[in-house]
């Protein structure tokens, strides 16, 4: 810096965009290592996305990790349920349970993801048909719905 020049304030980078991941996407990301989640993984690592979740979402993941076919996948991938949950804890920011959104899903198990996405105007990543068919209603609530495979830029 030249003598007498005023230091320039550091400009903060853009805030990480909030993203809500349904349980199937979480499994693809943390267990199955699905190549379709590579962009998502990079966006989370580079802090361009902030994964938000609730305690009931973590509880659902813990329950799903006990399903027999998932236990077989854990064994196949040489990873434990504890390790998957530790990755969840390291990557996801736990938020309070969101109030019920005006957009209601046919599948009540998916409502918690929609509620959180609406409350935070977050991108909602899901492969669930009951969620994906709600795209138009959710866009009206400032929520973008996509699959991890289609996540290019947020």
Protein backbone atom coordinates (compact mmCIF):
# COMPACT_ATOMS: atom_id res chain seq x y z
CA UNK A 1 0.00 0.00 0.00
CA UNK A 2 1.40 3.41 -0.88
CA UNK A 3 2.13 5.91 1.87
CA UNK A 4 -0.91 7.98 2.81
CA UNK A 5 -3.40 5.70 1.05
CA UNK A 6 -6.37 4.76 3.17
CA UNK A 7 -6.89 1.05 3.69
CA UNK A 8 -9.95 -0.23 1.89
CA UNK A 9 -12.52 -1.97 4.04
CA UNK A 10 -12.86 -5.69 3.38
CA UNK A 11 -16.10 -6.36 1.60
CA UNK A 12 -17.92 -9.37 2.98
CA UNK A 13 -18.68 -12.09 0.49
CA UNK A 14 -22.22 -12.90 -0.43
CA UNK A 15 -24.17 -14.70 2.27
CA UNK A 16 -24.52 -18.40 1.75
CA UNK A 17 -27.86 -19.28 0.23
CA UNK A 18 -29.98 -21.46 2.52
CA UNK A 19 -30.77 -24.95 1.30
CA UNK A 20 -33.05 -27.63 2.75
CA UNK A 21 -32.26 -31.27 1.92
CA UNK A 22 -34.83 -34.02 2.18
CA UNK A 23 -33.74 -37.32 3.69
CA UNK A 24 -33.17 -39.03 0.32
CA UNK A 25 -30.83 -36.26 -0.78
CA UNK A 26 -29.03 -36.49 2.57
CA UNK A 27 -28.53 -40.22 2.02
CA UNK A 28 -27.25 -39.58 -1.51
CA UNK A 29 -24.83 -36.99 -0.15
CA UNK A 30 -23.59 -38.64 3.03
CA UNK A 31 -24.00 -42.38 2.44
CA UNK A 32 -24.31 -43.30 -1.22
CA UNK A 33 -21.77 -40.71 -2.43
CA UNK A 34 -24.01 -40.18 -5.47
CA UNK A 35 -22.04 -38.39 -8.22
CA UNK A 36 -25.12 -36.20 -8.70
CA UNK A 37 -24.37 -34.60 -5.33
CA UNK A 38 -20.82 -33.48 -6.20
CA UNK A 39 -21.94 -29.94 -7.00
CA UNK A 40 -23.96 -29.81 -3.80
CA UNK A 41 -20.99 -31.08 -1.79
CA UNK A 42 -18.72 -28.42 -3.34
CA UNK A 43 -21.26 -25.63 -2.74
CA UNK A 44 -21.57 -26.64 0.92
CA UNK A 45 -17.78 -26.93 1.37
CA UNK A 46 -17.21 -23.52 -0.25
CA UNK A 47 -19.92 -21.99 1.96
CA UNK A 48 -21.95 -20.85 -1.05
CA UNK A 49 -24.84 -22.87 0.39
CA UNK A 50 -25.86 -23.18 4.02
CA UNK A 51 -27.69 -26.42 4.74
CA UNK A 52 -30.42 -25.77 7.28
CA UNK A 53 -32.31 -28.53 9.04
CA UNK A 54 -34.37 -29.15 12.14
CA UNK A 55 -34.06 -31.67 14.95
CA UNK A 56 -37.02 -33.67 13.57
CA UNK A 57 -35.17 -33.93 10.24
CA UNK A 58 -32.14 -35.35 12.02
CA UNK A 59 -34.41 -37.73 13.95
CA UNK A 60 -35.92 -38.94 10.66
CA UNK A 61 -32.44 -39.58 9.26
CA UNK A 62 -31.47 -41.52 12.39
CA UNK A 63 -34.61 -43.64 12.03
CA UNK A 64 -34.03 -44.27 8.31
CA UNK A 65 -30.46 -45.37 9.04
CA UNK A 66 -31.93 -48.34 10.95
CA UNK A 67 -33.95 -49.65 7.97
CA UNK A 68 -32.57 -53.07 6.93
CA UNK A 69 -31.77 -52.06 3.34
CA UNK A 70 -29.97 -48.92 4.59
CA UNK A 71 -28.02 -50.97 7.15
CA UNK A 72 -26.83 -53.15 4.23
CA UNK A 73 -25.79 -50.01 2.34
CA UNK A 74 -23.91 -48.73 5.38
CA UNK A 75 -22.02 -52.01 5.52
CA UNK A 76 -21.37 -51.95 1.76
CA UNK A 77 -19.96 -48.39 1.94
CA UNK A 78 -17.98 -49.16 5.12
CA UNK A 79 -19.61 -46.34 7.04
CA UNK A 80 -21.59 -46.38 10.26
CA UNK A 81 -24.84 -44.67 11.07
CA UNK A 82 -22.92 -42.74 13.73
CA UNK A 83 -20.55 -41.41 11.03
CA UNK A 84 -23.46 -40.37 8.80
CA UNK A 85 -25.08 -38.53 11.71
CA UNK A 86 -21.74 -36.91 12.61
CA UNK A 87 -21.47 -35.64 9.02
CA UNK A 88 -25.02 -34.31 9.26
CA UNK A 89 -24.10 -32.53 12.50
CA UNK A 90 -20.96 -31.05 10.95
CA UNK A 91 -22.65 -29.79 7.79
CA UNK A 92 -26.18 -28.82 8.79
CA UNK A 93 -27.13 -25.76 10.79
CA UNK A 94 -29.99 -26.70 13.10
CA UNK A 95 -32.86 -24.23 12.96
CA UNK A 96 -36.07 -24.09 14.97
CA UNK A 97 -39.02 -26.01 13.57
CA UNK A 98 -40.77 -23.70 11.13
CA UNK A 99 -44.45 -22.80 11.27
CA UNK A 100 -46.77 -24.60 8.86
CA UNK A 101 -46.52 -23.14 5.36
CA UNK A 102 -49.54 -22.26 3.27
CA UNK A 103 -48.40 -24.85 0.70
CA UNK A 104 -49.41 -28.25 2.03
CA UNK A 105 -47.87 -31.47 0.76
CA UNK A 106 -49.86 -34.66 0.12
CA UNK A 107 -47.22 -36.55 2.11
CA UNK A 108 -47.24 -35.29 5.71
CA UNK A 109 -43.69 -36.64 6.22
CA UNK A 110 -42.44 -34.10 3.66
CA UNK A 111 -44.21 -31.10 5.17
CA UNK A 112 -41.37 -30.29 7.59
CA UNK A 113 -38.99 -29.76 4.64
CA UNK A 114 -41.46 -27.49 2.86
CA UNK A 115 -42.19 -25.51 6.04
CA UNK A 116 -38.49 -24.87 6.68
CA UNK A 117 -37.78 -23.94 3.06
CA UNK A 118 -40.68 -21.48 3.01
CA UNK A 119 -39.71 -19.93 6.35
CA UNK A 120 -36.15 -19.31 5.13
CA UNK A 121 -36.91 -18.80 1.42
CA UNK A 122 -34.47 -21.62 0.83
CA UNK A 123 -33.76 -23.88 -2.08
CA UNK A 124 -35.44 -27.22 -1.40
CA UNK A 125 -33.63 -30.26 -2.78
CA UNK A 126 -35.76 -33.36 -3.08
CA UNK A 127 -36.36 -36.36 -5.30
CA UNK A 128 -39.79 -36.94 -3.79
CA UNK A 129 -42.59 -36.71 -6.36
CA UNK A 130 -44.99 -35.27 -3.78
CA UNK A 131 -42.59 -32.36 -3.28
CA UNK A 132 -41.48 -31.92 -6.89
CA UNK A 133 -45.09 -31.59 -8.09
CA UNK A 134 -45.40 -28.52 -5.81
CA UNK A 135 -42.80 -26.44 -7.70
CA UNK A 136 -45.24 -23.81 -8.97
CA UNK A 137 -46.89 -23.31 -5.59
CA UNK A 138 -43.52 -23.05 -3.87
CA UNK A 139 -42.06 -20.62 -6.42
CA UNK A 140 -44.89 -18.27 -5.47
CA UNK A 141 -43.53 -18.49 -1.89
CA UNK A 142 -39.94 -17.72 -2.98
CA UNK A 143 -38.84 -21.36 -2.72
CA UNK A 144 -36.98 -23.02 -5.56
CA UNK A 145 -37.44 -26.80 -5.70
CA UNK A 146 -34.87 -28.94 -7.47
CA UNK A 147 -33.05 -32.23 -7.37
CA UNK A 148 -29.34 -32.32 -6.52
CA UNK A 149 -28.68 -33.43 -10.09
CA UNK A 150 -30.13 -30.16 -11.38
CA UNK A 151 -28.39 -27.92 -8.83
CA UNK A 152 -26.06 -25.86 -10.98
CA UNK A 153 -26.22 -22.36 -9.58
CA UNK A 154 -28.29 -20.93 -6.80
